[in-house]
Amino acid sequence: MKYRNALPQMAGKQMITDGGLETTLIFHDGIDLPLFAAFKALETDAGIAAMDAYMARFARIAVDANRGFIMDTPTWRASARWAAELGMTHADLRAVHREVICSLTGLRDQYETAQSPFVINGVIGPQDDGYAPTNVMSAIQAEAYHAAQVGWFDEFGADMVSAITMTYADEAIGIASVAKTQGMPISIAFTVETNGQLPSGETLAEAICAVDEATDAYPAYFMINCAHPDHFSHVLEGDWTSRIMGLRANASRMSHAELDASDTLDDGDPNELGALYAGLLPRLPNLTVMGGCCGTDHRHIAAICAATSAT
């Protein structure tokens, strides 16, 4: 709970996240992830070794660049609906959350420096498909559904939580509301299609403003994830953009539908992605959290650090 009431990124500290954990484990490390559930890698020695090596690479990038590191838990799929499909119980899920927080605490103890603070971030994913949801919940339903996961992160000592790849405002409102009730800092990351709108058809401005209105602006900040900068750069205009403090873009320009259908990895060009991030800084004056999503790895994050440090 080291940073629970004073997250370094909120004070202007430049932070990195990791990249596309799931795509790295699958395409680079050959680890099978049923339902894209990264935490399933922890069930084998090979999976544990691959995940440990993956996180250590980003830790070293952060320390070398004098940036902080927001360490995400591999729990994007670790909620009740997905656990049921994976044959896991409520107790199994709780144990997963305890294990991953313990692991990240050890990583922080090993690598953190005064210039590179490490934050343990509990990741919460959508209840339905992260690209094209068919089961849309109300905010109240989402609050009830996600309460257990937020509670576990609180219990086991995460510094904050993040709702990642949100596809419509109501689910984000529900997660933010339960975080508010439990006193956990939270960031909300929306994903967009190639037209810059959420899969629901909402604009980024509408979704962010809806969450802020419903929760008295409780989220610490908002992010955009799982979309290429070309898909959203044209919509970043207006006062609402001051609420965006994080980017976790894809390296690929493919649409969500194209990514879903692809059986090969499009990892784009790390240097180009870094340049695109640097180009967005004038539009996002509060941007302090930079990382990647599908198709990105340590090369992309290193390039982003280099490009944005030079601006």
Protein backbone atom coordinates (compact mmCIF):
# COMPACT_ATOMS: atom_id res chain seq x y z
CA MET A 1 0.00 0.00 0.00
CA LYS A 2 3.07 2.17 -0.41
CA TYR A 3 1.62 4.64 -2.90
CA ARG A 4 -2.07 4.25 -2.20
CA ASN A 5 -2.61 7.87 -1.24
CA ALA A 6 0.16 9.48 -3.31
CA LEU A 7 0.61 7.77 -6.68
CA PRO A 8 3.83 9.08 -8.28
CA GLN A 9 2.20 9.56 -11.68
CA MET A 10 -0.28 11.98 -10.13
CA ALA A 11 2.60 14.24 -9.10
CA GLY A 12 3.99 14.36 -12.64
CA LYS A 13 6.43 11.45 -12.42
CA GLN A 14 6.90 9.86 -15.83
CA MET A 15 5.95 6.18 -15.60
CA ILE A 16 5.99 3.21 -17.95
CA THR A 17 3.76 0.16 -18.05
CA ASP A 18 4.51 -3.14 -19.70
CA GLY A 19 3.40 -3.97 -23.24
CA GLY A 20 1.17 -6.69 -24.63
CA LEU A 21 1.63 -9.41 -22.04
CA GLU A 22 -0.73 -11.89 -23.64
CA THR A 23 0.58 -11.48 -27.19
CA THR A 24 4.16 -11.75 -25.95
CA LEU A 25 3.49 -14.94 -24.02
CA ILE A 26 1.61 -16.52 -26.91
CA PHE A 27 3.64 -15.46 -29.94
CA HIS A 28 7.14 -14.99 -28.51
CA ASP A 29 7.23 -17.50 -25.68
CA GLY A 30 4.90 -20.19 -27.03
CA ILE A 31 2.75 -20.23 -23.88
CA ASP A 32 -0.83 -21.39 -24.33
CA LEU A 33 -3.35 -18.96 -22.83
CA PRO A 34 -6.91 -20.30 -22.97
CA LEU A 35 -9.40 -17.42 -23.33
CA PHE A 36 -6.43 -15.02 -23.43
CA ALA A 37 -6.10 -15.52 -19.66
CA ALA A 38 -2.50 -14.59 -18.84
CA PHE A 39 -2.73 -15.79 -15.25
CA LYS A 40 -3.06 -19.36 -16.56
CA ALA A 41 0.64 -19.17 -17.44
CA LEU A 42 1.34 -19.32 -13.70
CA GLU A 43 0.27 -22.97 -13.66
CA THR A 44 3.51 -24.19 -15.29
CA ASP A 45 7.19 -23.65 -14.56
CA ALA A 46 7.76 -22.49 -18.13
CA GLY A 47 4.94 -19.97 -17.84
CA ILE A 48 6.20 -18.61 -14.52
CA ALA A 49 9.72 -18.25 -15.92
CA ALA A 50 8.44 -16.48 -19.05
CA MET A 51 6.33 -14.05 -17.04
CA ASP A 52 9.12 -13.31 -14.57
CA ALA A 53 11.55 -12.60 -17.42
CA TYR A 54 8.95 -10.44 -19.16
CA MET A 55 8.35 -8.22 -16.13
CA ALA A 56 12.06 -7.96 -15.31
CA ARG A 57 12.78 -6.55 -18.78
CA PHE A 58 10.37 -3.65 -18.17
CA ALA A 59 11.70 -3.11 -14.65
CA ARG A 60 15.19 -2.63 -16.07
CA ILE A 61 13.91 -0.24 -18.76
CA ALA A 62 12.22 1.87 -16.07
CA VAL A 63 15.33 2.01 -13.88
CA ASP A 64 17.64 2.78 -16.81
CA ALA A 65 15.34 5.60 -17.95
CA ASN A 66 14.75 6.96 -14.41
CA ARG A 67 11.03 6.41 -14.89
CA GLY A 68 8.59 4.77 -12.56
CA PHE A 69 7.03 1.40 -13.40
CA ILE A 70 3.34 0.63 -13.05
CA MET A 71 3.38 -3.14 -12.62
CA ASP A 72 0.17 -4.67 -13.92
CA THR A 73 -1.19 -7.91 -12.53
CA PRO A 74 -1.95 -10.56 -15.20
CA THR A 75 -5.61 -10.57 -14.19
CA TRP A 76 -7.43 -9.05 -17.18
CA ARG A 77 -9.43 -12.30 -17.46
CA ALA A 78 -9.50 -13.15 -13.75
CA SER A 79 -13.16 -12.46 -13.03
CA ALA A 80 -16.12 -14.73 -12.39
CA ARG A 81 -17.50 -15.13 -15.92
CA TRP A 82 -14.15 -16.14 -17.40
CA ALA A 83 -13.18 -18.25 -14.40
CA ALA A 84 -16.33 -20.31 -14.82
CA GLU A 85 -15.42 -21.00 -18.45
CA LEU A 86 -11.94 -22.04 -17.29
CA GLY A 87 -13.33 -24.38 -14.62
CA MET A 88 -12.09 -22.28 -11.71
CA THR A 89 -13.79 -21.57 -8.40
CA HIS A 90 -14.14 -18.34 -6.42
CA ALA A 91 -11.44 -19.62 -4.06
CA ASP A 92 -9.15 -20.36 -7.00
CA LEU A 93 -9.53 -16.80 -8.24
CA ARG A 94 -8.82 -15.33 -4.83
CA ALA A 95 -5.62 -17.37 -4.63
CA VAL A 96 -4.53 -16.07 -8.05
CA HIS A 97 -4.88 -12.49 -6.86
CA ARG A 98 -2.89 -13.17 -3.71
CA GLU A 99 -0.13 -14.88 -5.72
CA VAL A 100 0.29 -12.16 -8.33
CA ILE A 101 0.41 -9.34 -5.75
CA CYS A 102 3.05 -11.28 -3.81
CA SER A 103 5.10 -11.75 -6.98
CA LEU A 104 4.99 -8.06 -7.91
CA THR A 105 5.92 -7.08 -4.37
CA GLY A 106 9.05 -9.18 -4.79
CA LEU A 107 9.83 -7.52 -8.13
CA ARG A 108 9.47 -4.09 -6.55
CA ASP A 109 11.79 -5.05 -3.69
CA GLN A 110 14.39 -6.21 -6.22
CA TYR A 111 14.41 -3.30 -8.67
CA GLU A 112 12.82 -0.15 -7.24
CA THR A 113 15.00 2.94 -6.71
CA ALA A 114 14.31 6.42 -5.42
CA GLN A 115 14.26 7.70 -9.01
CA SER A 116 12.14 4.77 -10.26
CA PRO A 117 9.16 4.17 -7.98
CA PHE A 118 7.20 0.98 -8.66
CA VAL A 119 3.40 0.87 -8.33
CA ILE A 120 1.42 -2.37 -8.05
CA ASN A 121 -1.65 -2.04 -10.25
CA GLY A 122 -4.54 -4.51 -10.08
CA VAL A 123 -5.90 -5.03 -13.59
CA ILE A 124 -9.62 -5.55 -14.15
CA GLY A 125 -10.89 -6.53 -17.57
CA PRO A 126 -14.35 -6.39 -19.12
CA GLN A 127 -16.99 -8.94 -18.21
CA ASP A 128 -17.59 -9.63 -21.91
CA ASP A 129 -15.55 -9.48 -25.10
CA GLY A 130 -13.01 -6.64 -25.06
CA TYR A 131 -13.65 -5.78 -28.70
CA ALA A 132 -17.31 -6.50 -29.39
CA PRO A 133 -19.41 -7.04 -26.25
CA THR A 134 -22.79 -8.70 -26.62
CA ASN A 135 -23.76 -8.76 -22.93
CA VAL A 136 -23.95 -5.11 -21.88
CA MET A 137 -24.37 -4.50 -18.16
CA SER A 138 -25.86 -1.57 -16.30
CA ALA A 139 -23.58 0.37 -13.99
CA ILE A 140 -25.25 -1.29 -11.00
CA GLN A 141 -24.74 -4.76 -12.47
CA ALA A 142 -21.10 -3.96 -13.23
CA GLU A 143 -20.54 -2.73 -9.69
CA ALA A 144 -21.83 -6.00 -8.27
CA TYR A 145 -19.90 -8.13 -10.77
CA HIS A 146 -16.50 -6.47 -10.26
CA ALA A 147 -16.72 -5.93 -6.47
CA ALA A 148 -14.91 -9.16 -5.59
CA GLN A 149 -11.88 -8.39 -7.73
CA VAL A 150 -11.51 -4.85 -6.43
CA GLY A 151 -11.84 -6.22 -2.90
CA TRP A 152 -9.06 -8.75 -3.42
CA PHE A 153 -6.69 -6.10 -4.74
CA ASP A 154 -7.48 -4.01 -1.67
CA GLU A 155 -7.03 -6.96 0.68
CA PHE A 156 -3.72 -8.14 -0.76
CA GLY A 157 -2.10 -4.70 -1.00
CA ALA A 158 -2.29 -3.35 -4.55
CA ASP A 159 -1.59 0.38 -4.73
CA MET A 160 -4.35 1.01 -7.27
CA VAL A 161 -6.60 -0.72 -9.77
CA SER A 162 -7.19 -0.14 -13.47
CA ALA A 163 -10.17 -1.09 -15.60
CA ILE A 164 -8.58 -1.97 -18.93
CA THR A 165 -10.14 -2.19 -22.40
CA MET A 166 -13.51 -0.81 -21.41
CA THR A 167 -15.90 -0.80 -24.35
CA TYR A 168 -18.78 1.26 -22.93
CA ALA A 169 -19.25 3.79 -20.16
CA ASP A 170 -21.67 1.93 -17.88
CA GLU A 171 -19.26 -0.89 -17.03
CA ALA A 172 -16.54 1.65 -16.31
CA ILE A 173 -18.94 3.57 -14.07
CA GLY A 174 -19.71 0.41 -12.12
CA ILE A 175 -16.04 -0.43 -11.57
CA ALA A 176 -15.20 3.15 -10.61
CA SER A 177 -18.12 3.17 -8.17
CA VAL A 178 -17.00 0.05 -6.34
CA ALA A 179 -13.43 1.38 -6.22
CA LYS A 180 -14.77 4.60 -4.73
CA THR A 181 -16.73 2.67 -2.11
CA GLN A 182 -13.62 0.69 -1.16
CA GLY A 183 -11.31 3.72 -1.30
CA MET A 184 -9.05 2.30 -4.01
CA PRO A 185 -7.47 4.68 -6.53
CA ILE A 186 -8.49 3.73 -10.06
CA SER A 187 -7.69 4.53 -13.66
CA ILE A 188 -10.10 3.77 -16.49
CA ALA A 189 -8.82 2.77 -19.94
CA PHE A 190 -11.20 2.87 -22.88
CA THR A 191 -10.54 1.21 -26.21
CA VAL A 192 -11.70 2.60 -29.53
CA GLU A 193 -12.31 1.44 -33.07
CA THR A 194 -10.53 2.84 -36.12
CA ASN A 195 -12.96 5.79 -36.14
CA GLY A 196 -11.95 6.87 -32.64
CA GLN A 197 -15.23 5.81 -31.05
CA LEU A 198 -15.79 3.11 -28.46
CA PRO A 199 -17.25 -0.19 -29.72
CA SER A 200 -20.52 1.01 -28.16
CA GLY A 201 -20.54 4.01 -30.50
CA GLU A 202 -19.85 6.45 -27.67
CA THR A 203 -17.13 9.01 -28.22
CA LEU A 204 -14.18 9.16 -25.88
CA ALA A 205 -15.38 12.54 -24.66
CA GLU A 206 -18.86 11.17 -23.92
CA ALA A 207 -17.53 8.12 -22.09
CA ILE A 208 -15.04 10.02 -19.95
CA CYS A 209 -17.54 12.72 -19.08
CA ALA A 210 -20.19 10.10 -18.24
CA VAL A 211 -17.87 8.34 -15.78
CA ASP A 212 -16.85 11.62 -14.17
CA GLU A 213 -20.44 12.78 -13.85
CA ALA A 214 -21.63 9.51 -12.33
CA THR A 215 -18.76 9.21 -9.83
CA ASP A 216 -17.99 12.86 -8.98
CA ALA A 217 -14.80 12.50 -11.04
CA TYR A 218 -13.49 9.72 -8.78
CA PRO A 219 -11.04 8.08 -11.23
CA ALA A 220 -7.51 9.36 -10.75
CA TYR A 221 -7.17 9.51 -14.52
CA PHE A 222 -8.20 7.94 -17.80
CA MET A 223 -6.22 6.06 -20.45
CA ILE A 224 -6.64 4.83 -24.00
CA ASN A 225 -5.56 1.28 -24.77
CA CYS A 226 -5.67 -1.43 -27.43
CA ALA A 227 -5.84 0.92 -30.43
CA HIS A 228 -3.22 2.43 -32.72
CA PRO A 229 -2.58 6.19 -32.31
CA ASP A 230 -3.87 6.74 -35.85
CA HIS A 231 -7.25 5.50 -34.62
CA PHE A 232 -7.71 8.15 -31.94
CA SER A 233 -5.30 11.05 -32.44
CA HIS A 234 -7.86 12.97 -34.52
CA VAL A 235 -10.41 13.07 -31.67
CA LEU A 236 -8.10 14.47 -28.96
CA GLU A 237 -9.54 17.96 -28.79
CA GLY A 238 -11.30 19.69 -25.91
CA ASP A 239 -10.91 20.26 -22.19
CA TRP A 240 -11.81 16.65 -21.45
CA THR A 241 -8.43 15.50 -22.78
CA SER A 242 -6.84 16.86 -19.58
CA ARG A 243 -8.26 13.76 -17.86
CA ILE A 244 -6.18 11.44 -20.08
CA MET A 245 -2.91 10.66 -18.32
CA GLY A 246 -2.10 7.29 -19.88
CA LEU A 247 -1.61 5.66 -23.29
CA ARG A 248 -1.26 1.96 -23.97
CA ALA A 249 -1.49 1.79 -27.75
CA ASN A 250 -1.22 -1.11 -30.15
CA ALA A 251 1.72 -1.24 -32.53
CA SER A 252 -0.60 -2.56 -35.23
CA ARG A 253 -2.92 -0.43 -37.32
CA MET A 254 -5.30 -3.39 -37.71
CA SER A 255 -8.89 -3.01 -36.59
CA HIS A 256 -10.16 -5.06 -33.67
CA ALA A 257 -11.92 -7.42 -36.09
CA GLU A 258 -8.71 -7.90 -38.08
CA LEU A 259 -6.69 -8.55 -34.93
CA ASP A 260 -9.24 -11.11 -33.77
CA ALA A 261 -9.02 -12.96 -37.09
CA SER A 262 -5.22 -12.91 -37.36
CA ASP A 263 -3.15 -15.93 -36.40
CA THR A 264 0.14 -14.05 -36.76
CA LEU A 265 1.51 -11.17 -34.70
CA ASP A 266 1.67 -7.68 -36.17
CA ASP A 267 4.24 -5.93 -33.98
CA GLY A 268 4.52 -2.82 -36.13
CA ASP A 269 7.58 -0.57 -35.89
CA PRO A 270 8.78 0.28 -32.35
CA ASN A 271 10.55 3.48 -33.42
CA GLU A 272 7.51 4.69 -35.35
CA LEU A 273 5.30 4.04 -32.33
CA GLY A 274 7.68 6.01 -30.13
CA ALA A 275 7.55 8.93 -32.55
CA LEU A 276 3.75 8.83 -32.58
CA TYR A 277 3.67 9.01 -28.78
CA ALA A 278 6.00 12.01 -28.87
CA GLY A 279 3.73 13.65 -31.40
CA LEU A 280 0.75 13.30 -29.05
CA LEU A 281 2.37 15.09 -26.11
CA PRO A 282 1.15 18.56 -27.16
CA ARG A 283 -2.44 17.25 -27.26
CA LEU A 284 -2.18 15.43 -23.94
CA PRO A 285 -0.48 17.85 -21.53
CA ASN A 286 -1.03 15.58 -18.51
CA LEU A 287 0.34 12.41 -20.09
CA THR A 288 2.59 10.68 -17.55
CA VAL A 289 1.85 6.96 -18.07
CA MET A 290 3.12 5.36 -21.27
CA GLY A 291 3.06 1.72 -22.24
CA GLY A 292 1.77 -0.66 -24.86
CA CYS A 293 -0.93 -3.16 -25.64
CA CYS A 294 -1.37 -5.91 -28.24
CA GLY A 295 1.77 -6.65 -30.24
CA THR A 296 4.08 -4.44 -28.18
CA ASP A 297 6.99 -5.64 -26.06
CA HIS A 298 10.12 -4.24 -24.39
CA ARG A 299 11.41 -2.87 -27.71
CA HIS A 300 8.37 -0.62 -28.10
CA ILE A 301 8.48 0.67 -24.54
CA ALA A 302 12.19 1.44 -24.81
CA ALA A 303 11.51 3.33 -28.04
CA ILE A 304 8.67 5.27 -26.43
CA CYS A 305 10.96 6.26 -23.54
CA ALA A 306 13.66 7.41 -25.95
CA ALA A 307 11.28 9.39 -28.15
CA THR A 308 9.39 11.13 -25.36
CA SER A 309 12.50 11.91 -23.32
CA ALA A 310 13.89 13.87 -26.27
CA THR A 311 10.87 16.18 -26.56
